[in-house]
Amino acid sequence: GDGKVFVVKVADVLAIRTGKRGNEAI
């Protein structure tokens, strides 16, 4: 029961305050 880790592809990210997208938004 140590746990699990899941990796999921992310298509896009949007930073609400700045409007930046993708890697710049994270």
mmCIF file of all heavy atoms, coordinates in Angstrom:
data_MODEL
# 
_entry.id   MODEL 
# 
loop_
_atom_site.group_PDB 
_atom_site.id 
_atom_site.type_symbol 
_atom_site.label_atom_id 
_atom_site.label_alt_id 
_atom_site.label_comp_id 
_atom_site.label_asym_id 
_atom_site.label_entity_id 
_atom_site.label_seq_id 
_atom_site.pdbx_PDB_ins_code 
_atom_site.Cartn_x 
_atom_site.Cartn_y 
_atom_site.Cartn_z 
_atom_site.occupancy 
_atom_site.B_iso_or_equiv 
_atom_site.pdbx_formal_charge 
_atom_site.auth_seq_id 
_atom_site.auth_comp_id 
_atom_site.auth_asym_id 
_atom_site.auth_atom_id 
_atom_site.pdbx_PDB_model_num 
ATOM 1   N N   . GLY A 1 1  ? 0.789  -1.223 0.000   1.00 0.00 ? 1  GLY A N   1 
ATOM 2   C CA  . GLY A 1 1  ? 0.000  0.000  0.000   1.00 0.00 ? 1  GLY A CA  1 
ATOM 3   C C   . GLY A 1 1  ? 0.826  1.280  0.000   1.00 0.00 ? 1  GLY A C   1 
ATOM 4   O O   . GLY A 1 1  ? 0.346  2.329  0.409   1.00 0.00 ? 1  GLY A O   1 
ATOM 5   N N   . ASP A 1 2  ? 2.069  1.206  -0.464  1.00 0.00 ? 2  ASP A N   1 
ATOM 6   C CA  . ASP A 1 2  ? 2.892  2.414  -0.554  1.00 0.00 ? 2  ASP A CA  1 
ATOM 7   C C   . ASP A 1 2  ? 2.269  3.464  -1.467  1.00 0.00 ? 2  ASP A C   1 
ATOM 8   O O   . ASP A 1 2  ? 2.491  4.646  -1.287  1.00 0.00 ? 2  ASP A O   1 
ATOM 9   C CB  . ASP A 1 2  ? 4.297  2.090  -1.072  1.00 0.00 ? 2  ASP A CB  1 
ATOM 10  C CG  . ASP A 1 2  ? 5.292  1.841  0.046   1.00 0.00 ? 2  ASP A CG  1 
ATOM 11  O OD1 . ASP A 1 2  ? 4.945  2.023  1.222   1.00 0.00 ? 2  ASP A OD1 1 
ATOM 12  O OD2 . ASP A 1 2  ? 6.441  1.474  -0.274  1.00 0.00 ? 2  ASP A OD2 1 
ATOM 13  N N   . GLY A 1 3  ? 1.483  3.034  -2.440  1.00 0.00 ? 3  GLY A N   1 
ATOM 14  C CA  . GLY A 1 3  ? 0.800  3.989  -3.305  1.00 0.00 ? 3  GLY A CA  1 
ATOM 15  C C   . GLY A 1 3  ? 1.081  3.761  -4.774  1.00 0.00 ? 3  GLY A C   1 
ATOM 16  O O   . GLY A 1 3  ? 1.707  2.783  -5.175  1.00 0.00 ? 3  GLY A O   1 
ATOM 17  N N   . LYS A 1 4  ? 0.637  4.713  -5.567  1.00 0.00 ? 4  LYS A N   1 
ATOM 18  C CA  . LYS A 1 4  ? 0.796  4.665  -7.021  1.00 0.00 ? 4  LYS A CA  1 
ATOM 19  C C   . LYS A 1 4  ? 1.084  6.081  -7.517  1.00 0.00 ? 4  LYS A C   1 
ATOM 20  O O   . LYS A 1 4  ? 0.708  7.070  -6.902  1.00 0.00 ? 4  LYS A O   1 
ATOM 21  C CB  . LYS A 1 4  ? -0.495 4.201  -7.707  1.00 0.00 ? 4  LYS A CB  1 
ATOM 22  C CG  . LYS A 1 4  ? -0.932 2.796  -7.384  1.00 0.00 ? 4  LYS A CG  1 
ATOM 23  C CD  . LYS A 1 4  ? -0.286 1.798  -8.314  1.00 0.00 ? 4  LYS A CD  1 
ATOM 24  C CE  . LYS A 1 4  ? -0.942 0.452  -8.239  1.00 0.00 ? 4  LYS A CE  1 
ATOM 25  N NZ  . LYS A 1 4  ? -0.444 -0.429 -7.239  1.00 0.00 ? 4  LYS A NZ  1 
ATOM 26  N N   . VAL A 1 5  ? 1.734  6.139  -8.691  1.00 0.00 ? 5  VAL A N   1 
ATOM 27  C CA  . VAL A 1 5  ? 1.971  7.414  -9.361  1.00 0.00 ? 5  VAL A CA  1 
ATOM 28  C C   . VAL A 1 5  ? 1.484  7.263  -10.795 1.00 0.00 ? 5  VAL A C   1 
ATOM 29  O O   . VAL A 1 5  ? 1.811  6.291  -11.475 1.00 0.00 ? 5  VAL A O   1 
ATOM 30  C CB  . VAL A 1 5  ? 3.463  7.805  -9.349  1.00 0.00 ? 5  VAL A CB  1 
ATOM 31  C CG1 . VAL A 1 5  ? 3.669  9.143  -10.034 1.00 0.00 ? 5  VAL A CG1 1 
ATOM 32  C CG2 . VAL A 1 5  ? 4.002  7.844  -7.927  1.00 0.00 ? 5  VAL A CG2 1 
ATOM 33  N N   . PHE A 1 6  ? 0.694  8.231  -11.241 1.00 0.00 ? 6  PHE A N   1 
ATOM 34  C CA  . PHE A 1 6  ? 0.156  8.228  -12.598 1.00 0.00 ? 6  PHE A CA  1 
ATOM 35  C C   . PHE A 1 6  ? 0.737  9.421  -13.353 1.00 0.00 ? 6  PHE A C   1 
ATOM 36  O O   . PHE A 1 6  ? 0.847  10.515 -12.792 1.00 0.00 ? 6  PHE A O   1 
ATOM 37  C CB  . PHE A 1 6  ? -1.373 8.344  -12.574 1.00 0.00 ? 6  PHE A CB  1 
ATOM 38  C CG  . PHE A 1 6  ? -2.025 7.274  -11.739 1.00 0.00 ? 6  PHE A CG  1 
ATOM 39  C CD1 . PHE A 1 6  ? -2.305 7.493  -10.407 1.00 0.00 ? 6  PHE A CD1 1 
ATOM 40  C CD2 . PHE A 1 6  ? -2.330 6.041  -12.290 1.00 0.00 ? 6  PHE A CD2 1 
ATOM 41  C CE1 . PHE A 1 6  ? -2.900 6.509  -9.624  1.00 0.00 ? 6  PHE A CE1 1 
ATOM 42  C CE2 . PHE A 1 6  ? -2.915 5.042  -11.517 1.00 0.00 ? 6  PHE A CE2 1 
ATOM 43  C CZ  . PHE A 1 6  ? -3.195 5.287  -10.179 1.00 0.00 ? 6  PHE A CZ  1 
ATOM 44  N N   . VAL A 1 7  ? 1.080  9.202  -14.610 1.00 0.00 ? 7  VAL A N   1 
ATOM 45  C CA  . VAL A 1 7  ? 1.615  10.273 -15.449 1.00 0.00 ? 7  VAL A CA  1 
ATOM 46  C C   . VAL A 1 7  ? 0.686  10.420 -16.650 1.00 0.00 ? 7  VAL A C   1 
ATOM 47  O O   . VAL A 1 7  ? 0.439  9.453  -17.371 1.00 0.00 ? 7  VAL A O   1 
ATOM 48  C CB  . VAL A 1 7  ? 3.053  9.948  -15.920 1.00 0.00 ? 7  VAL A CB  1 
ATOM 49  C CG1 . VAL A 1 7  ? 3.592  11.078 -16.790 1.00 0.00 ? 7  VAL A CG1 1 
ATOM 50  C CG2 . VAL A 1 7  ? 3.963  9.693  -14.723 1.00 0.00 ? 7  VAL A CG2 1 
ATOM 51  N N   . VAL A 1 8  ? 0.188  11.638 -16.848 1.00 0.00 ? 8  VAL A N   1 
ATOM 52  C CA  . VAL A 1 8  ? -0.791 11.911 -17.902 1.00 0.00 ? 8  VAL A CA  1 
ATOM 53  C C   . VAL A 1 8  ? -0.288 13.065 -18.770 1.00 0.00 ? 8  VAL A C   1 
ATOM 54  O O   . VAL A 1 8  ? 0.175  14.086 -18.244 1.00 0.00 ? 8  VAL A O   1 
ATOM 55  C CB  . VAL A 1 8  ? -2.150 12.289 -17.271 1.00 0.00 ? 8  VAL A CB  1 
ATOM 56  C CG1 . VAL A 1 8  ? -3.188 12.566 -18.342 1.00 0.00 ? 8  VAL A CG1 1 
ATOM 57  C CG2 . VAL A 1 8  ? -2.619 11.206 -16.317 1.00 0.00 ? 8  VAL A CG2 1 
ATOM 58  N N   . LYS A 1 9  ? -0.395 12.902 -20.073 1.00 0.00 ? 9  LYS A N   1 
ATOM 59  C CA  . LYS A 1 9  ? -0.001 13.966 -21.001 1.00 0.00 ? 9  LYS A CA  1 
ATOM 60  C C   . LYS A 1 9  ? -0.955 15.156 -20.856 1.00 0.00 ? 9  LYS A C   1 
ATOM 61  O O   . LYS A 1 9  ? -2.173 14.985 -20.781 1.00 0.00 ? 9  LYS A O   1 
ATOM 62  C CB  . LYS A 1 9  ? -0.043 13.448 -22.431 1.00 0.00 ? 9  LYS A CB  1 
ATOM 63  C CG  . LYS A 1 9  ? 0.487  14.410 -23.462 1.00 0.00 ? 9  LYS A CG  1 
ATOM 64  C CD  . LYS A 1 9  ? 0.403  13.815 -24.848 1.00 0.00 ? 9  LYS A CD  1 
ATOM 65  C CE  . LYS A 1 9  ? 1.776  13.855 -25.453 1.00 0.00 ? 9  LYS A CE  1 
ATOM 66  N NZ  . LYS A 1 9  ? 1.789  13.302 -26.807 1.00 0.00 ? 9  LYS A NZ  1 
ATOM 67  N N   . VAL A 1 10 ? -0.395 16.363 -20.806 1.00 0.00 ? 10 VAL A N   1 
ATOM 68  C CA  . VAL A 1 10 ? -1.190 17.589 -20.703 1.00 0.00 ? 10 VAL A CA  1 
ATOM 69  C C   . VAL A 1 10 ? -1.123 18.310 -22.049 1.00 0.00 ? 10 VAL A C   1 
ATOM 70  O O   . VAL A 1 10 ? -0.027 18.634 -22.533 1.00 0.00 ? 10 VAL A O   1 
ATOM 71  C CB  . VAL A 1 10 ? -0.651 18.509 -19.577 1.00 0.00 ? 10 VAL A CB  1 
ATOM 72  C CG1 . VAL A 1 10 ? -1.385 19.827 -19.555 1.00 0.00 ? 10 VAL A CG1 1 
ATOM 73  C CG2 . VAL A 1 10 ? -0.767 17.808 -18.233 1.00 0.00 ? 10 VAL A CG2 1 
ATOM 74  N N   . ALA A 1 11 ? -2.272 18.558 -22.651 1.00 0.00 ? 11 ALA A N   1 
ATOM 75  C CA  . ALA A 1 11 ? -2.311 19.202 -23.957 1.00 0.00 ? 11 ALA A CA  1 
ATOM 76  C C   . ALA A 1 11 ? -2.003 20.691 -23.873 1.00 0.00 ? 11 ALA A C   1 
ATOM 77  O O   . ALA A 1 11 ? -1.346 21.252 -24.753 1.00 0.00 ? 11 ALA A O   1 
ATOM 78  C CB  . ALA A 1 11 ? -3.685 18.989 -24.601 1.00 0.00 ? 11 ALA A CB  1 
ATOM 79  N N   . ASP A 1 12 ? -2.465 21.356 -22.823 1.00 0.00 ? 12 ASP A N   1 
ATOM 80  C CA  . ASP A 1 12 ? -2.257 22.796 -22.710 1.00 0.00 ? 12 ASP A CA  1 
ATOM 81  C C   . ASP A 1 12 ? -2.519 23.236 -21.278 1.00 0.00 ? 12 ASP A C   1 
ATOM 82  O O   . ASP A 1 12 ? -3.172 22.531 -20.507 1.00 0.00 ? 12 ASP A O   1 
ATOM 83  C CB  . ASP A 1 12 ? -3.202 23.544 -23.661 1.00 0.00 ? 12 ASP A CB  1 
ATOM 84  C CG  . ASP A 1 12 ? -2.740 24.957 -23.975 1.00 0.00 ? 12 ASP A CG  1 
ATOM 85  O OD1 . ASP A 1 12 ? -1.649 25.362 -23.507 1.00 0.00 ? 12 ASP A OD1 1 
ATOM 86  O OD2 . ASP A 1 12 ? -3.473 25.661 -24.683 1.00 0.00 ? 12 ASP A OD2 1 
ATOM 87  N N   . VAL A 1 13 ? -1.999 24.390 -20.939 1.00 0.00 ? 13 VAL A N   1 
ATOM 88  C CA  . VAL A 1 13 ? -2.231 25.019 -19.644 1.00 0.00 ? 13 VAL A CA  1 
ATOM 89  C C   . VAL A 1 13 ? -2.465 26.496 -19.908 1.00 0.00 ? 13 VAL A C   1 
ATOM 90  O O   . VAL A 1 13 ? -1.804 27.091 -20.756 1.00 0.00 ? 13 VAL A O   1 
ATOM 91  C CB  . VAL A 1 13 ? -1.013 24.858 -18.699 1.00 0.00 ? 13 VAL A CB  1 
ATOM 92  C CG1 . VAL A 1 13 ? -1.239 25.598 -17.401 1.00 0.00 ? 13 VAL A CG1 1 
ATOM 93  C CG2 . VAL A 1 13 ? -0.727 23.393 -18.437 1.00 0.00 ? 13 VAL A CG2 1 
ATOM 94  N N   . LEU A 1 14 ? -3.389 27.083 -19.177 1.00 0.00 ? 14 LEU A N   1 
ATOM 95  C CA  . LEU A 1 14 ? -3.660 28.513 -19.274 1.00 0.00 ? 14 LEU A CA  1 
ATOM 96  C C   . LEU A 1 14 ? -3.550 29.123 -17.884 1.00 0.00 ? 14 LEU A C   1 
ATOM 97  O O   . LEU A 1 14 ? -4.233 28.678 -16.964 1.00 0.00 ? 14 LEU A O   1 
ATOM 98  C CB  . LEU A 1 14 ? -5.065 28.769 -19.827 1.00 0.00 ? 14 LEU A CB  1 
ATOM 99  C CG  . LEU A 1 14 ? -5.588 30.201 -19.726 1.00 0.00 ? 14 LEU A CG  1 
ATOM 100 C CD1 . LEU A 1 14 ? -4.788 31.141 -20.612 1.00 0.00 ? 14 LEU A CD1 1 
ATOM 101 C CD2 . LEU A 1 14 ? -7.059 30.255 -20.077 1.00 0.00 ? 14 LEU A CD2 1 
ATOM 102 N N   . ALA A 1 15 ? -2.683 30.131 -17.731 1.00 0.00 ? 15 ALA A N   1 
ATOM 103 C CA  . ALA A 1 15 ? -2.601 30.873 -16.477 1.00 0.00 ? 15 ALA A CA  1 
ATOM 104 C C   . ALA A 1 15 ? -3.673 31.958 -16.543 1.00 0.00 ? 15 ALA A C   1 
ATOM 105 O O   . ALA A 1 15 ? -3.623 32.842 -17.413 1.00 0.00 ? 15 ALA A O   1 
ATOM 106 C CB  . ALA A 1 15 ? -1.224 31.489 -16.293 1.00 0.00 ? 15 ALA A CB  1 
ATOM 107 N N   . ILE A 1 16 ? -4.640 31.878 -15.672 1.00 0.00 ? 16 ILE A N   1 
ATOM 108 C CA  . ILE A 1 16 ? -5.789 32.782 -15.732 1.00 0.00 ? 16 ILE A CA  1 
ATOM 109 C C   . ILE A 1 16 ? -5.375 34.250 -15.609 1.00 0.00 ? 16 ILE A C   1 
ATOM 110 O O   . ILE A 1 16 ? -5.818 35.097 -16.380 1.00 0.00 ? 16 ILE A O   1 
ATOM 111 C CB  . ILE A 1 16 ? -6.822 32.400 -14.653 1.00 0.00 ? 16 ILE A CB  1 
ATOM 112 C CG1 . ILE A 1 16 ? -7.386 31.020 -14.973 1.00 0.00 ? 16 ILE A CG1 1 
ATOM 113 C CG2 . ILE A 1 16 ? -7.929 33.442 -14.565 1.00 0.00 ? 16 ILE A CG2 1 
ATOM 114 C CD1 . ILE A 1 16 ? -8.253 30.434 -13.886 1.00 0.00 ? 16 ILE A CD1 1 
ATOM 115 N N   . ARG A 1 17 ? -4.519 34.562 -14.637 1.00 0.00 ? 17 ARG A N   1 
ATOM 116 C CA  . ARG A 1 17 ? -4.149 35.970 -14.404 1.00 0.00 ? 17 ARG A CA  1 
ATOM 117 C C   . ARG A 1 17 ? -3.362 36.567 -15.565 1.00 0.00 ? 17 ARG A C   1 
ATOM 118 O O   . ARG A 1 17 ? -3.659 37.669 -16.026 1.00 0.00 ? 17 ARG A O   1 
ATOM 119 C CB  . ARG A 1 17 ? -3.334 36.102 -13.117 1.00 0.00 ? 17 ARG A CB  1 
ATOM 120 C CG  . ARG A 1 17 ? -2.951 37.552 -12.791 1.00 0.00 ? 17 ARG A CG  1 
ATOM 121 C CD  . ARG A 1 17 ? -2.124 37.659 -11.518 1.00 0.00 ? 17 ARG A CD  1 
ATOM 122 N NE  . ARG A 1 17 ? -0.869 36.943 -11.562 1.00 0.00 ? 17 ARG A NE  1 
ATOM 123 C CZ  . ARG A 1 17 ? 0.266  37.409 -12.107 1.00 0.00 ? 17 ARG A CZ  1 
ATOM 124 N NH1 . ARG A 1 17 ? 0.296  38.597 -12.655 1.00 0.00 ? 17 ARG A NH1 1 
ATOM 125 N NH2 . ARG A 1 17 ? 1.357  36.674 -12.089 1.00 0.00 ? 17 ARG A NH2 1 
ATOM 126 N N   . THR A 1 18 ? -2.353 35.839 -16.080 1.00 0.00 ? 18 THR A N   1 
ATOM 127 C CA  . THR A 1 18 ? -1.455 36.411 -17.084 1.00 0.00 ? 18 THR A CA  1 
ATOM 128 C C   . THR A 1 18 ? -1.840 36.089 -18.521 1.00 0.00 ? 18 THR A C   1 
ATOM 129 O O   . THR A 1 18 ? -1.382 36.751 -19.443 1.00 0.00 ? 18 THR A O   1 
ATOM 130 C CB  . THR A 1 18 ? -0.023 35.899 -16.871 1.00 0.00 ? 18 THR A CB  1 
ATOM 131 O OG1 . THR A 1 18 ? 0.000  34.480 -17.088 1.00 0.00 ? 18 THR A OG1 1 
ATOM 132 C CG2 . THR A 1 18 ? 0.486  36.263 -15.493 1.00 0.00 ? 18 THR A CG2 1 
ATOM 133 N N   . GLY A 1 19 ? -2.627 35.047 -18.714 1.00 0.00 ? 19 GLY A N   1 
ATOM 134 C CA  . GLY A 1 19 ? -2.973 34.614 -20.051 1.00 0.00 ? 19 GLY A CA  1 
ATOM 135 C C   . GLY A 1 19 ? -1.895 33.780 -20.709 1.00 0.00 ? 19 GLY A C   1 
ATOM 136 O O   . GLY A 1 19 ? -2.025 33.374 -21.852 1.00 0.00 ? 19 GLY A O   1 
ATOM 137 N N   . LYS A 1 20 ? -0.793 33.499 -19.989 1.00 0.00 ? 20 LYS A N   1 
ATOM 138 C CA  . LYS A 1 20 ? 0.271  32.679 -20.551 1.00 0.00 ? 20 LYS A CA  1 
ATOM 139 C C   . LYS A 1 20 ? -0.228 31.259 -20.773 1.00 0.00 ? 20 LYS A C   1 
ATOM 140 O O   . LYS A 1 20 ? -1.132 30.796 -20.075 1.00 0.00 ? 20 LYS A O   1 
ATOM 141 C CB  . LYS A 1 20 ? 1.483  32.660 -19.638 1.00 0.00 ? 20 LYS A CB  1 
ATOM 142 C CG  . LYS A 1 20 ? 2.194  34.000 -19.585 1.00 0.00 ? 20 LYS A CG  1 
ATOM 143 C CD  . LYS A 1 20 ? 3.403  33.945 -18.686 1.00 0.00 ? 20 LYS A CD  1 
ATOM 144 C CE  . LYS A 1 20 ? 4.099  35.292 -18.660 1.00 0.00 ? 20 LYS A CE  1 
ATOM 145 N NZ  . LYS A 1 20 ? 5.284  35.278 -17.790 1.00 0.00 ? 20 LYS A NZ  1 
ATOM 146 N N   . ARG A 1 21 ? 0.385  30.577 -21.760 1.00 0.00 ? 21 ARG A N   1 
ATOM 147 C CA  . ARG A 1 21 ? -0.031 29.222 -22.105 1.00 0.00 ? 21 ARG A CA  1 
ATOM 148 C C   . ARG A 1 21 ? 1.162  28.290 -22.136 1.00 0.00 ? 21 ARG A C   1 
ATOM 149 O O   . ARG A 1 21 ? 2.297  28.714 -22.245 1.00 0.00 ? 21 ARG A O   1 
ATOM 150 C CB  . ARG A 1 21 ? -0.709 29.215 -23.479 1.00 0.00 ? 21 ARG A CB  1 
ATOM 151 C CG  . ARG A 1 21 ? -1.778 30.244 -23.681 1.00 0.00 ? 21 ARG A CG  1 
ATOM 152 C CD  . ARG A 1 21 ? -3.177 29.856 -23.668 1.00 0.00 ? 21 ARG A CD  1 
ATOM 153 N NE  . ARG A 1 21 ? -3.655 28.588 -24.020 1.00 0.00 ? 21 ARG A NE  1 
ATOM 154 C CZ  . ARG A 1 21 ? -4.645 28.387 -24.880 1.00 0.00 ? 21 ARG A CZ  1 
ATOM 155 N NH1 . ARG A 1 21 ? -5.183 29.403 -25.537 1.00 0.00 ? 21 ARG A NH1 1 
ATOM 156 N NH2 . ARG A 1 21 ? -5.098 27.188 -25.090 1.00 0.00 ? 21 ARG A NH2 1 
ATOM 157 N N   . GLY A 1 22 ? 0.873  26.997 -22.048 1.00 0.00 ? 22 GLY A N   1 
ATOM 158 C CA  . GLY A 1 22 ? 1.907  25.974 -22.159 1.00 0.00 ? 22 GLY A CA  1 
ATOM 159 C C   . GLY A 1 22 ? 2.905  26.020 -21.012 1.00 0.00 ? 22 GLY A C   1 
ATOM 160 O O   . GLY A 1 22 ? 2.559  26.329 -19.879 1.00 0.00 ? 22 GLY A O   1 
ATOM 161 N N   . ASN A 1 23 ? 4.169  25.705 -21.335 1.00 0.00 ? 23 ASN A N   1 
ATOM 162 C CA  . ASN A 1 23 ? 5.216  25.677 -20.319 1.00 0.00 ? 23 ASN A CA  1 
ATOM 163 C C   . ASN A 1 23 ? 5.348  26.998 -19.564 1.00 0.00 ? 23 ASN A C   1 
ATOM 164 O O   . ASN A 1 23 ? 5.701  27.015 -18.406 1.00 0.00 ? 23 ASN A O   1 
ATOM 165 C CB  . ASN A 1 23 ? 6.573  25.286 -20.922 1.00 0.00 ? 23 ASN A CB  1 
ATOM 166 C CG  . ASN A 1 23 ? 6.694  23.799 -21.167 1.00 0.00 ? 23 ASN A CG  1 
ATOM 167 O OD1 . ASN A 1 23 ? 6.121  22.998 -20.442 1.00 0.00 ? 23 ASN A OD1 1 
ATOM 168 N ND2 . ASN A 1 23 ? 7.439  23.421 -22.179 1.00 0.00 ? 23 ASN A ND2 1 
ATOM 169 N N   . GLU A 1 24 ? 5.097  28.104 -20.240 1.00 0.00 ? 24 GLU A N   1 
ATOM 170 C CA  . GLU A 1 24 ? 5.185  29.418 -19.589 1.00 0.00 ? 24 GLU A CA  1 
ATOM 171 C C   . GLU A 1 24 ? 4.126  29.575 -18.512 1.00 0.00 ? 24 GLU A C   1 
ATOM 172 O O   . GLU A 1 24 ? 4.299  30.350 -17.581 1.00 0.00 ? 24 GLU A O   1 
ATOM 173 C CB  . GLU A 1 24 ? 5.029  30.541 -20.611 1.00 0.00 ? 24 GLU A CB  1 
ATOM 174 C CG  . GLU A 1 24 ? 6.202  30.692 -21.552 1.00 0.00 ? 24 GLU A CG  1 
ATOM 175 C CD  . GLU A 1 24 ? 6.020  31.858 -22.509 1.00 0.00 ? 24 GLU A CD  1 
ATOM 176 O OE1 . GLU A 1 24 ? 5.112  32.696 -22.276 1.00 0.00 ? 24 GLU A OE1 1 
ATOM 177 O OE2 . GLU A 1 24 ? 6.798  31.928 -23.472 1.00 0.00 ? 24 GLU A OE2 1 
ATOM 178 N N   . ALA A 1 25 ? 3.037  28.840 -18.611 1.00 0.00 ? 25 ALA A N   1 
ATOM 179 C CA  . ALA A 1 25 ? 1.945  28.960 -17.633 1.00 0.00 ? 25 ALA A CA  1 
ATOM 180 C C   . ALA A 1 25 ? 2.186  28.134 -16.387 1.00 0.00 ? 25 ALA A C   1 
ATOM 181 O O   . ALA A 1 25 ? 1.556  28.365 -15.362 1.00 0.00 ? 25 ALA A O   1 
ATOM 182 C CB  . ALA A 1 25 ? 0.625  28.548 -18.272 1.00 0.00 ? 25 ALA A CB  1 
ATOM 183 N N   . ILE A 1 26 ? 3.092  27.168 -16.469 1.00 0.00 ? 26 ILE A N   1 
ATOM 184 C CA  . ILE A 1 26 ? 3.346  26.367 -15.284 1.00 0.00 ? 26 ILE A CA  1 
ATOM 185 C C   . ILE A 1 26 ? 4.557  26.902 -14.570 1.00 0.00 ? 26 ILE A C   1 
ATOM 186 O O   . ILE A 1 26 ? 4.799  26.817 -13.464 1.00 0.00 ? 26 ILE A O   1 
ATOM 187 C CB  . ILE A 1 26 ? 3.497  24.861 -15.571 1.00 0.00 ? 26 ILE A CB  1 
ATOM 188 C CG1 . ILE A 1 26 ? 4.605  24.572 -16.565 1.00 0.00 ? 26 ILE A CG1 1 
ATOM 189 C CG2 . ILE A 1 26 ? 2.182  24.292 -16.061 1.00 0.00 ? 26 ILE A CG2 1 
ATOM 190 C CD1 . ILE A 1 26 ? 4.929  23.118 -16.747 1.00 0.00 ? 26 ILE A CD1 1 
# 
